Amino acid sequence: MKWMHVTYRIAASADAIAARAEALAREQSVECPVAAVTDRRVREAVMGRVLHLAPDGPSHFRAVIALALETVGDDAGQLLNMWFGNVSLQPDVSLVDVAWPDGLPALPGPRFGVAGVRERLGVPHGAITCTALKPVGSSVAALAALAGQQARAGFHLIKDDHGLADPVSAPFAERVPAIQAAVDAANHETGGRCVYAPNLNGGPRAVQRQLAVCREVGVGAVMLCPLVLGVSQVAELVRDELGVPVLAHPALGGNLRMDPAVLFGTLFRLIGADMVIFPNHGGRFSYDVATCLRIAAALAAPLGVHRPALPVPAGGMTPARVGEMCASYGEDVVLLVGGALLAAEAPVQAMREFVRAVTAQEGGHG
């Protein structure tokens, strides 16, 4: 019998918490009363178990519950479902931690990881620079011209904005070849190795069409929004289709009462993200310093055979914060600054200054 240990935070009184935790364990496993579980094997090997209860602030408790790994198989969506499917509908519960005493589900994990991304981008040391193509609504020509400027400025990685899917202003099949050509031309001029990561989007057939475009023009990475595309689709793409690094975007992540380190640091890494974007503290989102550092730690922590992934703190970041971010996250970090550079009085100069500032943090490496 193999189990995963999932920790929930439950709002309950001391008198009610034991029964509440037992009900949660049933809900997230057999989904029926104990009296209905007449099969001995199901009782012993599948039905959830409350392992530990402890107070966690006023009127709250932490409950560690063992859930059977056999209920997950090798499907990422089912993993998320068994963690938090039904109880996500119960507002008194949040998911705060997962431990793996008996091993991990058979999910792909990062194919490249930190070392592989560095090799692909040609950045053996130091922080990796990243920027975004904005704003949504721009034409193919405008986005390609911007990508050329960004590549010439020395960025290691350029990504689509996550809202840049398949719009009439810049259809995927037209946009991606044009942007890749602009990045290739800039690399040829500068000797750089800038990589463009288009945003794969839509249902399975749409994604397959987009992958064909990416392969034809030779893109060096892709961006995925796992909670928009579906975590099962992302895991299958990484396992069976993608031969380039994956940058994962956190869109919709705030809809789940799930600890960000578990969601972005563990789940996104299990399904194959090599780099994970998350909201950095001090930007336009509400994460605090401790939460951001826990996400980064989870992306680097031992996780079975899986490679570590790179943190990408983002969300309203500015060049002025380069030193602080490098000090916080160390050299294994992707620094993503987009809108602040485009809003500068001289955007191209701002891009170059940002790249120089990042390079200076490592004494010339990068």
Foldseek 3Di string as FASTA:
>chain_A
DFWKKWKKKFQADPVCVVVVLLQVQQCLWVNDDPVVPPDPCCVVAARKDWDDWDDDDPRMIMTIIIGHPVQQAQFLQSVVCSRPNVCLVPVRMFTEDMGGPPADHPFDFAPQALPNLCVQLVFRWFAAEEEEQDDPPAALVVSLVVLLLLLLLPHSEYEYDLVREQDPRYGLLRNVLSNLVSNVVSCVVPVGNHFYAYEQDDEPVSSVVSLVSCVVNPGAEYEYACVRHPLRVLRCCQVPPDPHAYEYEPPPVVSHSYQCLCVFLPSVRRSHHQEYEDEDPPAPDHDDLVSLLSNLCSQCDDRPPHHRHAYEHDHHDALVCLLVVCVSRPRRHYYYDYPNLVPDPDNSVRSNVSVVSRCVNVVNGD
